[in-house]
Amino acid sequence: MMKEIKFTNKALKQIGDLLSKKDKGSFFRIAIKGGGCSGFQYEFTIDKEKAEDDLEYDNILIDKTSADLLKGSEIDYVSELIGEQFRITNPQTKSSCGCGVSFSL
């Protein structure tokens, strides 16, 4: 399943940099939660616990439900005038808001 989600080198480097500042054994978690101005939003957190339904790619965890919604996506890390952020290009989204964090399916 994780093969169906692509990570750019910039995203993997940023995730590695973030985790290098945390306790050994920490994971970078990507999840999709209800909320935001378009119905769903991406959530990026540092987690120490791996759940039973988590899919793992190196030191990245994604729960099975979120992974299904991320199928075919590319995860990148971009620097823009408004700041730096993870950006997900998800072919399953029908629309997204201007901030790029919230979307609808």
N, C-alpha and C. Protein backbone atom coordinates (compact mmCIF):
# COMPACT_ATOMS: atom_id res chain seq x y z
N MET A 1 0.83 -1.21 0.00
CA MET A 1 0.00 0.00 0.00
C MET A 1 0.87 1.25 0.00
N MET A 2 1.93 1.27 0.82
CA MET A 2 2.77 2.47 0.88
C MET A 2 3.47 2.72 -0.44
N LYS A 3 3.57 1.69 -1.29
CA LYS A 3 4.18 1.89 -2.60
C LYS A 3 3.31 2.81 -3.46
N GLU A 4 2.03 2.90 -3.13
CA GLU A 4 1.10 3.72 -3.90
C GLU A 4 1.10 5.17 -3.45
N ILE A 5 1.94 5.49 -2.46
CA ILE A 5 2.12 6.86 -1.98
C ILE A 5 3.58 7.21 -2.19
N LYS A 6 3.82 8.29 -2.95
CA LYS A 6 5.21 8.68 -3.25
C LYS A 6 5.67 9.79 -2.33
N PHE A 7 6.92 9.72 -1.93
CA PHE A 7 7.56 10.77 -1.13
C PHE A 7 8.70 11.35 -1.94
N THR A 8 8.75 12.66 -2.06
CA THR A 8 9.88 13.27 -2.75
C THR A 8 11.10 13.23 -1.84
N ASN A 9 12.27 13.41 -2.42
CA ASN A 9 13.50 13.44 -1.62
C ASN A 9 13.47 14.57 -0.61
N LYS A 10 12.89 15.73 -1.00
CA LYS A 10 12.79 16.87 -0.07
C LYS A 10 11.93 16.51 1.14
N ALA A 11 10.81 15.81 0.90
CA ALA A 11 9.93 15.41 2.01
C ALA A 11 10.65 14.44 2.93
N LEU A 12 11.33 13.43 2.35
CA LEU A 12 12.03 12.45 3.17
C LEU A 12 13.15 13.10 3.97
N LYS A 13 13.86 14.05 3.38
CA LYS A 13 14.94 14.75 4.10
C LYS A 13 14.36 15.55 5.27
N GLN A 14 13.25 16.27 5.03
CA GLN A 14 12.64 17.07 6.10
C GLN A 14 12.13 16.18 7.23
N ILE A 15 11.52 15.06 6.87
CA ILE A 15 11.04 14.12 7.89
C ILE A 15 12.22 13.60 8.71
N GLY A 16 13.31 13.25 8.03
CA GLY A 16 14.51 12.80 8.74
C GLY A 16 15.07 13.87 9.66
N ASP A 17 15.09 15.12 9.18
CA ASP A 17 15.58 16.23 10.00
C ASP A 17 14.70 16.42 11.24
N LEU A 18 13.38 16.37 11.05
CA LEU A 18 12.46 16.53 12.19
C LEU A 18 12.65 15.41 13.21
N LEU A 19 12.77 14.18 12.74
CA LEU A 19 12.90 13.05 13.65
C LEU A 19 14.26 13.03 14.35
N SER A 20 15.28 13.61 13.71
CA SER A 20 16.61 13.61 14.34
C SER A 20 16.63 14.47 15.60
N LYS A 21 15.65 15.36 15.74
CA LYS A 21 15.55 16.23 16.92
C LYS A 21 14.66 15.62 18.00
N LYS A 22 14.08 14.47 17.72
CA LYS A 22 13.17 13.81 18.67
C LYS A 22 13.84 12.58 19.28
N ASP A 23 13.16 11.98 20.25
CA ASP A 23 13.69 10.76 20.88
C ASP A 23 13.84 9.65 19.86
N LYS A 24 14.84 8.82 20.06
CA LYS A 24 15.05 7.67 19.19
C LYS A 24 13.79 6.79 19.23
N GLY A 25 13.41 6.24 18.10
CA GLY A 25 12.22 5.41 18.04
C GLY A 25 10.96 6.18 17.73
N SER A 26 11.07 7.49 17.47
CA SER A 26 9.90 8.29 17.11
C SER A 26 9.56 8.08 15.63
N PHE A 27 8.29 8.26 15.31
CA PHE A 27 7.80 8.13 13.94
C PHE A 27 7.17 9.45 13.50
N PHE A 28 7.16 9.67 12.20
CA PHE A 28 6.44 10.79 11.60
C PHE A 28 5.11 10.23 11.13
N ARG A 29 4.00 10.75 11.68
CA ARG A 29 2.68 10.23 11.33
C ARG A 29 1.95 11.18 10.39
N ILE A 30 1.37 10.61 9.34
CA ILE A 30 0.53 11.36 8.41
C ILE A 30 -0.88 10.79 8.55
N ALA A 31 -1.85 11.65 8.79
CA ALA A 31 -3.23 11.19 8.96
C ALA A 31 -4.18 12.15 8.26
N ILE A 32 -5.35 11.65 7.96
CA ILE A 32 -6.44 12.48 7.44
C ILE A 32 -7.52 12.50 8.49
N LYS A 33 -7.91 13.71 8.88
CA LYS A 33 -8.92 13.90 9.92
C LYS A 33 -10.09 14.70 9.34
N GLY A 34 -11.26 14.53 9.92
CA GLY A 34 -12.39 15.36 9.56
C GLY A 34 -12.17 16.77 10.08
N GLY A 35 -12.60 17.77 9.31
CA GLY A 35 -12.46 19.16 9.76
C GLY A 35 -11.91 20.04 8.66
N GLY A 36 -11.50 21.23 9.03
CA GLY A 36 -11.01 22.18 8.03
C GLY A 36 -12.17 22.79 7.27
N CYS A 37 -11.87 23.72 6.40
CA CYS A 37 -12.95 24.43 5.70
C CYS A 37 -13.54 23.62 4.55
N SER A 38 -12.93 22.49 4.17
CA SER A 38 -13.46 21.71 3.05
C SER A 38 -13.91 20.30 3.45
N GLY A 39 -13.86 19.96 4.73
CA GLY A 39 -14.37 18.66 5.17
C GLY A 39 -13.33 17.72 5.75
N PHE A 40 -12.13 17.70 5.15
CA PHE A 40 -11.03 16.87 5.64
C PHE A 40 -9.78 17.72 5.70
N GLN A 41 -8.83 17.30 6.54
CA GLN A 41 -7.54 17.99 6.57
C GLN A 41 -6.43 17.00 6.86
N TYR A 42 -5.26 17.32 6.35
CA TYR A 42 -4.07 16.50 6.61
C TYR A 42 -3.50 16.87 7.96
N GLU A 43 -2.98 15.88 8.65
CA GLU A 43 -2.37 16.12 9.95
C GLU A 43 -0.99 15.45 9.97
N PHE A 44 0.02 16.21 10.38
CA PHE A 44 1.38 15.71 10.48
C PHE A 44 1.82 15.81 11.93
N THR A 45 2.18 14.68 12.54
CA THR A 45 2.58 14.68 13.94
C THR A 45 3.77 13.75 14.15
N ILE A 46 4.40 13.90 15.29
CA ILE A 46 5.45 12.97 15.71
C ILE A 46 4.81 12.03 16.72
N ASP A 47 5.03 10.74 16.55
CA ASP A 47 4.37 9.74 17.39
C ASP A 47 5.41 8.73 17.87
N LYS A 48 5.23 8.24 19.08
CA LYS A 48 6.13 7.21 19.61
C LYS A 48 5.51 5.82 19.50
N GLU A 49 4.19 5.78 19.32
CA GLU A 49 3.48 4.51 19.32
C GLU A 49 3.03 4.12 17.92
N LYS A 50 3.22 2.86 17.59
CA LYS A 50 2.75 2.32 16.32
C LYS A 50 1.48 1.52 16.59
N ALA A 51 0.39 1.88 15.92
CA ALA A 51 -0.88 1.18 16.10
C ALA A 51 -0.91 -0.08 15.24
N GLU A 52 -1.83 -0.98 15.57
CA GLU A 52 -1.92 -2.26 14.87
C GLU A 52 -2.23 -2.10 13.38
N ASP A 53 -3.05 -1.10 13.03
CA ASP A 53 -3.44 -0.94 11.62
C ASP A 53 -2.54 0.03 10.85
N ASP A 54 -1.43 0.46 11.47
CA ASP A 54 -0.53 1.40 10.80
C ASP A 54 0.26 0.72 9.69
N LEU A 55 0.44 1.43 8.60
CA LEU A 55 1.36 1.03 7.55
C LEU A 55 2.64 1.81 7.79
N GLU A 56 3.78 1.15 7.58
CA GLU A 56 5.05 1.79 7.90
C GLU A 56 5.94 1.85 6.67
N TYR A 57 6.55 3.01 6.47
CA TYR A 57 7.53 3.21 5.40
C TYR A 57 8.70 3.91 6.06
N ASP A 58 9.83 3.21 6.19
CA ASP A 58 10.97 3.72 6.95
C ASP A 58 10.47 4.15 8.33
N ASN A 59 10.52 5.44 8.63
CA ASN A 59 10.10 5.96 9.94
C ASN A 59 8.80 6.76 9.84
N ILE A 60 7.99 6.43 8.81
CA ILE A 60 6.72 7.13 8.56
C ILE A 60 5.57 6.16 8.80
N LEU A 61 4.56 6.63 9.55
CA LEU A 61 3.37 5.81 9.82
C LEU A 61 2.14 6.47 9.20
N ILE A 62 1.28 5.65 8.61
CA ILE A 62 -0.02 6.12 8.10
C ILE A 62 -1.04 5.05 8.45
N ASP A 63 -2.11 5.45 9.13
CA ASP A 63 -3.14 4.46 9.46
C ASP A 63 -3.82 4.00 8.17
N LYS A 64 -4.40 2.80 8.21
CA LYS A 64 -4.94 2.18 6.99
C LYS A 64 -6.01 3.04 6.32
N THR A 65 -6.91 3.64 7.08
CA THR A 65 -7.97 4.47 6.51
C THR A 65 -7.37 5.67 5.78
N SER A 66 -6.43 6.34 6.42
CA SER A 66 -5.78 7.50 5.79
C SER A 66 -5.01 7.06 4.55
N ALA A 67 -4.33 5.90 4.62
CA ALA A 67 -3.56 5.41 3.47
C ALA A 67 -4.47 5.16 2.27
N ASP A 68 -5.68 4.63 2.52
CA ASP A 68 -6.64 4.43 1.41
C ASP A 68 -7.00 5.76 0.76
N LEU A 69 -7.16 6.81 1.58
CA LEU A 69 -7.53 8.13 1.06
C LEU A 69 -6.33 8.83 0.41
N LEU A 70 -5.12 8.37 0.70
CA LEU A 70 -3.90 8.96 0.13
C LEU A 70 -3.38 8.19 -1.08
N LYS A 71 -4.05 7.10 -1.45
CA LYS A 71 -3.59 6.26 -2.55
C LYS A 71 -3.35 7.10 -3.82
N GLY A 72 -2.18 6.95 -4.42
CA GLY A 72 -1.84 7.70 -5.62
C GLY A 72 -1.26 9.08 -5.36
N SER A 73 -1.12 9.46 -4.09
CA SER A 73 -0.65 10.81 -3.74
C SER A 73 0.87 10.92 -3.79
N GLU A 74 1.32 12.17 -3.93
CA GLU A 74 2.73 12.49 -3.78
C GLU A 74 2.87 13.47 -2.63
N ILE A 75 3.80 13.19 -1.73
CA ILE A 75 4.04 14.05 -0.57
C ILE A 75 5.37 14.75 -0.79
N ASP A 76 5.33 16.08 -0.76
CA ASP A 76 6.50 16.90 -1.02
C ASP A 76 6.67 17.89 0.13
N TYR A 77 7.82 18.52 0.20
CA TYR A 77 8.08 19.60 1.15
C TYR A 77 8.50 20.81 0.34
N VAL A 78 7.75 21.91 0.47
CA VAL A 78 7.98 23.07 -0.38
C VAL A 78 8.27 24.32 0.45
N SER A 79 9.07 25.19 -0.14
CA SER A 79 9.35 26.50 0.45
C SER A 79 8.73 27.56 -0.45
N GLU A 80 7.88 28.39 0.13
CA GLU A 80 7.22 29.45 -0.62
C GLU A 80 7.30 30.74 0.18
N LEU A 81 6.82 31.81 -0.40
CA LEU A 81 6.82 33.09 0.31
C LEU A 81 6.07 33.03 1.63
N ILE A 82 5.00 32.24 1.67
CA ILE A 82 4.19 32.15 2.89
C ILE A 82 4.80 31.20 3.92
N GLY A 83 5.88 30.52 3.57
CA GLY A 83 6.54 29.63 4.52
C GLY A 83 6.82 28.27 3.93
N GLU A 84 7.31 27.39 4.77
CA GLU A 84 7.62 26.03 4.37
C GLU A 84 6.54 25.09 4.89
N GLN A 85 6.22 24.07 4.08
CA GLN A 85 5.18 23.13 4.51
C GLN A 85 5.24 21.85 3.70
N PHE A 86 4.65 20.81 4.27
CA PHE A 86 4.44 19.59 3.50
C PHE A 86 3.26 19.83 2.58
N ARG A 87 3.37 19.36 1.35
CA ARG A 87 2.27 19.51 0.40
C ARG A 87 1.94 18.14 -0.17
N ILE A 88 0.67 17.80 -0.14
CA ILE A 88 0.21 16.52 -0.66
C ILE A 88 -0.58 16.78 -1.94
N THR A 89 -0.15 16.15 -3.02
CA THR A 89 -0.90 16.18 -4.29
C THR A 89 -1.67 14.87 -4.33
N ASN A 90 -2.98 14.97 -4.10
CA ASN A 90 -3.83 13.80 -3.97
C ASN A 90 -4.82 13.76 -5.12
N PRO A 91 -4.72 12.77 -6.01
CA PRO A 91 -5.63 12.68 -7.16
C PRO A 91 -7.07 12.38 -6.77
N GLN A 92 -7.32 11.96 -5.52
CA GLN A 92 -8.67 11.62 -5.09
C GLN A 92 -9.47 12.84 -4.62
N THR A 93 -8.81 13.98 -4.39
CA THR A 93 -9.54 15.14 -3.89
C THR A 93 -10.34 15.79 -5.01
N LYS A 94 -11.54 16.23 -4.67
CA LYS A 94 -12.38 16.94 -5.63
C LYS A 94 -12.11 18.44 -5.58
N SER A 95 -11.83 18.95 -4.40
CA SER A 95 -11.51 20.37 -4.26
C SER A 95 -10.68 20.57 -3.00
N SER A 96 -9.97 21.68 -2.95
CA SER A 96 -9.21 22.01 -1.74
C SER A 96 -9.34 23.50 -1.49
N CYS A 97 -9.02 23.88 -0.27
CA CYS A 97 -9.14 25.30 0.08
C CYS A 97 -7.84 26.02 -0.28
N GLY A 98 -7.83 27.31 -0.17
CA GLY A 98 -6.67 28.11 -0.53
C GLY A 98 -5.44 27.81 0.30
N CYS A 99 -5.62 27.38 1.54
CA CYS A 99 -4.45 27.11 2.39
C CYS A 99 -3.77 25.81 2.02
N GLY A 100 -4.45 24.93 1.26
CA GLY A 100 -3.85 23.68 0.83
C GLY A 100 -3.82 22.60 1.88
N VAL A 101 -4.42 22.85 3.05
CA VAL A 101 -4.42 21.87 4.13
C VAL A 101 -5.75 21.11 4.18
N SER A 102 -6.80 21.75 3.74
CA SER A 102 -8.15 21.19 3.82
C SER A 102 -8.63 20.81 2.41
N PHE A 103 -9.44 19.74 2.32
CA PHE A 103 -9.89 19.27 1.01
C PHE A 103 -11.20 18.50 1.16
N SER A 104 -11.83 18.22 0.02
CA SER A 104 -13.03 17.37 0.02
C SER A 104 -12.81 16.21 -0.94
N LEU A 105 -13.54 15.12 -0.67
CA LEU A 105 -13.43 13.92 -1.49
C LEU A 105 -14.71 13.68 -2.26
